[in-house]
Amino acid sequence: MAISPELLEILRCPKCKEKVEETPDGSGLKCLNPECSLVYPVREDIPIMLIEEAKVGDGKPSVNAN
């Protein structure tokens, strides 16, 4: 199940406050800020919007979580 458009409209990256969009496979929400590019996981249709759970856009764990 995809994230609803209404929820996507209000969700923001906790690190930089930029909008997020669903990844093509639906497994995460990617920050649209090219300098941030964190991807937050979606588990059981629930976005996990915690910086420490995010990975850098290329799939690597976030090194600069603070």
PDB file of N, CA and C in Angstrom:
ATOM      1  N   MET A   1       0.838  -1.190   0.000  1.00  0.00           N
ATOM      2  CA  MET A   1       0.000   0.000   0.000  1.00  0.00           C
ATOM      3  C   MET A   1       0.876   1.244   0.000  1.00  0.00           C
ATOM      4  N   ALA A   2       0.567   2.180  -0.855  1.00  0.00           N
ATOM      5  CA  ALA A   2       1.346   3.405  -0.972  1.00  0.00           C
ATOM      6  C   ALA A   2       0.959   4.406   0.123  1.00  0.00           C
ATOM      7  N   ILE A   3       1.879   5.312   0.399  1.00  0.00           N
ATOM      8  CA  ILE A   3       1.607   6.390   1.350  1.00  0.00           C
ATOM      9  C   ILE A   3       0.608   7.346   0.691  1.00  0.00           C
ATOM     10  N   SER A   4      -0.375   7.790   1.427  1.00  0.00           N
ATOM     11  CA  SER A   4      -1.403   8.664   0.862  1.00  0.00           C
ATOM     12  C   SER A   4      -0.794  10.020   0.463  1.00  0.00           C
ATOM     13  N   PRO A   5      -1.317  10.619  -0.605  1.00  0.00           N
ATOM     14  CA  PRO A   5      -0.825  11.939  -1.036  1.00  0.00           C
ATOM     15  C   PRO A   5      -0.976  13.000   0.056  1.00  0.00           C
ATOM     16  N   GLU A   6      -2.024  12.890   0.870  1.00  0.00           N
ATOM     17  CA  GLU A   6      -2.235  13.863   1.953  1.00  0.00           C
ATOM     18  C   GLU A   6      -1.123  13.769   2.993  1.00  0.00           C
ATOM     19  N   LEU A   7      -0.718  12.543   3.325  1.00  0.00           N
ATOM     20  CA  LEU A   7       0.363  12.354   4.291  1.00  0.00           C
ATOM     21  C   LEU A   7       1.683  12.832   3.706  1.00  0.00           C
ATOM     22  N   LEU A   8       1.948  12.506   2.447  1.00  0.00           N
ATOM     23  CA  LEU A   8       3.188  12.954   1.802  1.00  0.00           C
ATOM     24  C   LEU A   8       3.283  14.475   1.771  1.00  0.00           C
ATOM     25  N   GLU A   9       2.147  15.138   1.657  1.00  0.00           N
ATOM     26  CA  GLU A   9       2.136  16.605   1.607  1.00  0.00           C
ATOM     27  C   GLU A   9       2.603  17.226   2.922  1.00  0.00           C
ATOM     28  N   ILE A  10       2.335  16.566   4.051  1.00  0.00           N
ATOM     29  CA  ILE A  10       2.705  17.154   5.344  1.00  0.00           C
ATOM     30  C   ILE A  10       4.017  16.616   5.914  1.00  0.00           C
ATOM     31  N   LEU A  11       4.467  15.442   5.451  1.00  0.00           N
ATOM     32  CA  LEU A  11       5.718  14.881   5.977  1.00  0.00           C
ATOM     33  C   LEU A  11       6.921  15.687   5.484  1.00  0.00           C
ATOM     34  N   ARG A  12       7.882  15.883   6.366  1.00  0.00           N
ATOM     35  CA  ARG A  12       9.118  16.595   6.039  1.00  0.00           C
ATOM     36  C   ARG A  12      10.288  15.823   6.608  1.00  0.00           C
ATOM     37  N   CYS A  13      11.439  15.990   5.996  1.00  0.00           N
ATOM     38  CA  CYS A  13      12.674  15.388   6.492  1.00  0.00           C
ATOM     39  C   CYS A  13      12.978  15.993   7.870  1.00  0.00           C
ATOM     40  N   PRO A  14      13.164  15.168   8.886  1.00  0.00           N
ATOM     41  CA  PRO A  14      13.463  15.707  10.221  1.00  0.00           C
ATOM     42  C   PRO A  14      14.804  16.430  10.295  1.00  0.00           C
ATOM     43  N   LYS A  15      15.716  16.109   9.394  1.00  0.00           N
ATOM     44  CA  LYS A  15      17.043  16.723   9.435  1.00  0.00           C
ATOM     45  C   LYS A  15      17.060  18.116   8.811  1.00  0.00           C
ATOM     46  N   CYS A  16      16.500  18.246   7.582  1.00  0.00           N
ATOM     47  CA  CYS A  16      16.609  19.531   6.880  1.00  0.00           C
ATOM     48  C   CYS A  16      15.266  20.213   6.633  1.00  0.00           C
ATOM     49  N   LYS A  17      14.173  19.531   6.955  1.00  0.00           N
ATOM     50  CA  LYS A  17      12.807  20.056   6.828  1.00  0.00           C
ATOM     51  C   LYS A  17      12.310  20.176   5.388  1.00  0.00           C
ATOM     52  N   GLU A  18      12.967  19.502   4.443  1.00  0.00           N
ATOM     53  CA  GLU A  18      12.546  19.498   3.034  1.00  0.00           C
ATOM     54  C   GLU A  18      11.467  18.440   2.831  1.00  0.00           C
ATOM     55  N   LYS A  19      10.699  18.556   1.749  1.00  0.00           N
ATOM     56  CA  LYS A  19       9.683  17.561   1.411  1.00  0.00           C
ATOM     57  C   LYS A  19      10.348  16.218   1.121  1.00  0.00           C
ATOM     58  N   VAL A  20       9.549  15.166   1.224  1.00  0.00           N
ATOM     59  CA  VAL A  20      10.009  13.813   0.903  1.00  0.00           C
ATOM     60  C   VAL A  20       9.095  13.226  -0.173  1.00  0.00           C
ATOM     61  N   GLU A  21       9.611  12.230  -0.895  1.00  0.00           N
ATOM     62  CA  GLU A  21       8.814  11.510  -1.878  1.00  0.00           C
ATOM     63  C   GLU A  21       9.077  10.020  -1.709  1.00  0.00           C
ATOM     64  N   GLU A  22       8.115   9.214  -2.160  1.00  0.00           N
ATOM     65  CA  GLU A  22       8.277   7.765  -2.075  1.00  0.00           C
ATOM     66  C   GLU A  22       9.371   7.292  -3.015  1.00  0.00           C
ATOM     67  N   THR A  23      10.134   6.301  -2.588  1.00  0.00           N
ATOM     68  CA  THR A  23      11.110   5.675  -3.475  1.00  0.00           C
ATOM     69  C   THR A  23      10.336   4.847  -4.500  1.00  0.00           C
ATOM     70  N   PRO A  24      10.933   4.586  -5.656  1.00  0.00           N
ATOM     71  CA  PRO A  24      10.218   3.829  -6.701  1.00  0.00           C
ATOM     72  C   PRO A  24       9.675   2.479  -6.240  1.00  0.00           C
ATOM     73  N   ASP A  25      10.393   1.809  -5.343  1.00  0.00           N
ATOM     74  CA  ASP A  25       9.918   0.492  -4.881  1.00  0.00           C
ATOM     75  C   ASP A  25       8.981   0.592  -3.676  1.00  0.00           C
ATOM     76  N   GLY A  26       8.748   1.804  -3.176  1.00  0.00           N
ATOM     77  CA  GLY A  26       7.826   2.005  -2.063  1.00  0.00           C
ATOM     78  C   GLY A  26       8.368   1.626  -0.703  1.00  0.00           C
ATOM     79  N   SER A  27       9.652   1.302  -0.621  1.00  0.00           N
ATOM     80  CA  SER A  27      10.217   0.858   0.658  1.00  0.00           C
ATOM     81  C   SER A  27      10.736   1.999   1.525  1.00  0.00           C
ATOM     82  N   GLY A  28      10.660   3.237   1.028  1.00  0.00           N
ATOM     83  CA  GLY A  28      11.179   4.358   1.793  1.00  0.00           C
ATOM     84  C   GLY A  28      10.668   5.689   1.300  1.00  0.00           C
ATOM     85  N   LEU A  29      11.022   6.734   2.047  1.00  0.00           N
ATOM     86  CA  LEU A  29      10.717   8.105   1.683  1.00  0.00           C
ATOM     87  C   LEU A  29      12.026   8.858   1.570  1.00  0.00           C
ATOM     88  N   LYS A  30      12.282   9.438   0.406  1.00  0.00           N
ATOM     89  CA  LYS A  30      13.551  10.108   0.129  1.00  0.00           C
ATOM     90  C   LYS A  30      13.398  11.613   0.244  1.00  0.00           C
ATOM     91  N   CYS A  31      14.328  12.220   0.961  1.00  0.00           N
ATOM     92  CA  CYS A  31      14.377  13.674   1.086  1.00  0.00           C
ATOM     93  C   CYS A  31      14.712  14.269  -0.278  1.00  0.00           C
ATOM     94  N   LEU A  32      14.005  15.339  -0.666  1.00  0.00           N
ATOM     95  CA  LEU A  32      14.223  15.965  -1.971  1.00  0.00           C
ATOM     96  C   LEU A  32      15.372  16.966  -1.986  1.00  0.00           C
ATOM     97  N   ASN A  33      15.951  17.249  -0.834  1.00  0.00           N
ATOM     98  CA  ASN A  33      17.096  18.155  -0.761  1.00  0.00           C
ATOM     99  C   ASN A  33      18.340  17.391  -1.223  1.00  0.00           C
ATOM    100  N   PRO A  34      18.964  17.796  -2.349  1.00  0.00           N
ATOM    101  CA  PRO A  34      20.124  17.049  -2.851  1.00  0.00           C
ATOM    102  C   PRO A  34      21.314  17.035  -1.887  1.00  0.00           C
ATOM    103  N   GLU A  35      21.394  18.007  -0.999  1.00  0.00           N
ATOM    104  CA  GLU A  35      22.492  18.031  -0.027  1.00  0.00           C
ATOM    105  C   GLU A  35      22.232  17.076   1.140  1.00  0.00           C
ATOM    106  N   CYS A  36      20.995  16.683   1.341  1.00  0.00           N
ATOM    107  CA  CYS A  36      20.629  15.779   2.439  1.00  0.00           C
ATOM    108  C   CYS A  36      20.439  14.366   1.890  1.00  0.00           C
ATOM    109  N   SER A  37      19.448  14.171   1.047  1.00  0.00           N
ATOM    110  CA  SER A  37      19.162  12.903   0.357  1.00  0.00           C
ATOM    111  C   SER A  37      19.010  11.690   1.270  1.00  0.00           C
ATOM    112  N   LEU A  38      18.566  11.888   2.497  1.00  0.00           N
ATOM    113  CA  LEU A  38      18.334  10.738   3.365  1.00  0.00           C
ATOM    114  C   LEU A  38      17.090   9.992   2.909  1.00  0.00           C
ATOM    115  N   VAL A  39      17.097   8.685   3.107  1.00  0.00           N
ATOM    116  CA  VAL A  39      15.949   7.849   2.782  1.00  0.00           C
ATOM    117  C   VAL A  39      15.476   7.202   4.085  1.00  0.00           C
ATOM    118  N   TYR A  40      14.228   7.497   4.439  1.00  0.00           N
ATOM    119  CA  TYR A  40      13.625   6.977   5.655  1.00  0.00           C
ATOM    120  C   TYR A  40      12.838   5.720   5.316  1.00  0.00           C
ATOM    121  N   PRO A  41      13.006   4.655   6.084  1.00  0.00           N
ATOM    122  CA  PRO A  41      12.311   3.393   5.761  1.00  0.00           C
ATOM    123  C   PRO A  41      10.807   3.475   6.004  1.00  0.00           C
ATOM    124  N   VAL A  42      10.068   2.656   5.269  1.00  0.00           N
ATOM    125  CA  VAL A  42       8.638   2.461   5.497  1.00  0.00           C
ATOM    126  C   VAL A  42       8.471   0.994   5.868  1.00  0.00           C
ATOM    127  N   ARG A  43       7.962   0.755   7.069  1.00  0.00           N
ATOM    128  CA  ARG A  43       7.766  -0.615   7.555  1.00  0.00           C
ATOM    129  C   ARG A  43       6.293  -0.826   7.865  1.00  0.00           C
ATOM    130  N   GLU A  44       5.712  -1.845   7.266  1.00  0.00           N
ATOM    131  CA  GLU A  44       4.292  -2.156   7.462  1.00  0.00           C
ATOM    132  C   GLU A  44       3.427  -0.923   7.207  1.00  0.00           C
ATOM    133  N   ASP A  45       3.751  -0.205   6.127  1.00  0.00           N
ATOM    134  CA  ASP A  45       3.039   1.003   5.689  1.00  0.00           C
ATOM    135  C   ASP A  45       3.166   2.179   6.652  1.00  0.00           C
ATOM    136  N   ILE A  46       4.151   2.154   7.551  1.00  0.00           N
ATOM    137  CA  ILE A  46       4.369   3.250   8.498  1.00  0.00           C
ATOM    138  C   ILE A  46       5.739   3.868   8.225  1.00  0.00           C
ATOM    139  N   PRO A  47       5.780   5.173   7.871  1.00  0.00           N
ATOM    140  CA  PRO A  47       7.072   5.840   7.664  1.00  0.00           C
ATOM    141  C   PRO A  47       7.813   5.986   8.994  1.00  0.00           C
ATOM    142  N   ILE A  48       9.073   5.580   9.008  1.00  0.00           N
ATOM    143  CA  ILE A  48       9.921   5.696  10.199  1.00  0.00           C
ATOM    144  C   ILE A  48      10.783   6.945  10.001  1.00  0.00           C
ATOM    145  N   MET A  49      10.295   8.074  10.501  1.00  0.00           N
ATOM    146  CA  MET A  49      10.932   9.361  10.248  1.00  0.00           C
ATOM    147  C   MET A  49      11.925   9.724  11.364  1.00  0.00           C
ATOM    148  N   LEU A  50      12.874   8.837  11.602  1.00  0.00           N
ATOM    149  CA  LEU A  50      13.928   9.048  12.591  1.00  0.00           C
ATOM    150  C   LEU A  50      15.256   9.142  11.860  1.00  0.00           C
ATOM    151  N   ILE A  51      16.025  10.184  12.127  1.00  0.00           N
ATOM    152  CA  ILE A  51      17.297  10.390  11.444  1.00  0.00           C
ATOM    153  C   ILE A  51      18.211   9.181  11.626  1.00  0.00           C
ATOM    154  N   GLU A  52      18.224   8.597  12.823  1.00  0.00           N
ATOM    155  CA  GLU A  52      19.113   7.461  13.073  1.00  0.00           C
ATOM    156  C   GLU A  52      18.693   6.200  12.316  1.00  0.00           C
ATOM    157  N   GLU A  53      17.480   6.142  11.800  1.00  0.00           N
ATOM    158  CA  GLU A  53      17.006   5.007  10.996  1.00  0.00           C
ATOM    159  C   GLU A  53      17.231   5.228   9.504  1.00  0.00           C
ATOM    160  N   ALA A  54      17.557   6.447   9.116  1.00  0.00           N
ATOM    161  CA  ALA A  54      17.684   6.798   7.698  1.00  0.00           C
ATOM    162  C   ALA A  54      19.004   6.316   7.107  1.00  0.00           C
ATOM    163  N   LYS A  55      18.986   6.168   5.788  1.00  0.00           N
ATOM    164  CA  LYS A  55      20.189   5.841   5.031  1.00  0.00           C
ATOM    165  C   LYS A  55      20.398   6.936   3.995  1.00  0.00           C
ATOM    166  N   VAL A  56      21.645   7.127   3.597  1.00  0.00           N
ATOM    167  CA  VAL A  56      21.949   8.088   2.544  1.00  0.00           C
ATOM    168  C   VAL A  56      21.347   7.550   1.252  1.00  0.00           C
ATOM    169  N   GLY A  57      20.968   8.415   0.342  1.00  0.00           N
ATOM    170  CA  GLY A  57      20.268   8.044  -0.876  1.00  0.00           C
ATOM    171  C   GLY A  57      20.816   6.864  -1.634  1.00  0.00           C
ATOM    172  N   ASP A  58      22.092   6.588  -1.528  1.00  0.00           N
ATOM    173  CA  ASP A  58      22.666   5.442  -2.244  1.00  0.00           C
ATOM    174  C   ASP A  58      22.557   4.144  -1.449  1.00  0.00           C
ATOM    175  N   GLY A  59      21.863   4.193  -0.294  1.00  0.00           N
ATOM    176  CA  GLY A  59      21.629   2.983   0.489  1.00  0.00           C
ATOM    177  C   GLY A  59      22.590   2.783   1.641  1.00  0.00           C
ATOM    178  N   LYS A  60      23.599   3.661   1.785  1.00  0.00           N
ATOM    179  CA  LYS A  60      24.534   3.535   2.891  1.00  0.00           C
ATOM    180  C   LYS A  60      23.932   4.135   4.156  1.00  0.00           C
ATOM    181  N   PRO A  61      24.272   3.599   5.336  1.00  0.00           N
ATOM    182  CA  PRO A  61      23.764   4.194   6.572  1.00  0.00           C
ATOM    183  C   PRO A  61      24.234   5.634   6.691  1.00  0.00           C
ATOM    184  N   SER A  62      23.420   6.461   7.317  1.00  0.00           N
ATOM    185  CA  SER A  62      23.756   7.874   7.495  1.00  0.00           C
ATOM    186  C   SER A  62      24.943   7.995   8.436  1.00  0.00           C
ATOM    187  N   VAL A  63      25.992   8.701   7.992  1.00  0.00           N
ATOM    188  CA  VAL A  63      27.178   8.909   8.812  1.00  0.00           C
ATOM    189  C   VAL A  63      27.003  10.163   9.628  1.00  0.00           C
ATOM    190  N   ASN A  64      26.394  11.192   9.040  1.00  0.00           N
ATOM    191  CA  ASN A  64      26.245  12.482   9.688  1.00  0.00           C
ATOM    192  C   ASN A  64      24.813  12.647  10.174  1.00  0.00           C
ATOM    193  N   ALA A  65      24.396  11.827  11.135  1.00  0.00           N
ATOM    194  CA  ALA A  65      23.017  11.856  11.617  1.00  0.00           C
ATOM    195  C   ALA A  65      22.729  13.070  12.484  1.00  0.00           C
ATOM    196  N   ASN A  66      23.756  13.727  12.989  1.00  0.00           N
ATOM    197  CA  ASN A  66      23.524  14.883  13.843  1.00  0.00           C
ATOM    198  C   ASN A  66      23.610  16.098  13.046  1.00  0.00           C
TER     199      ASN A  66
END
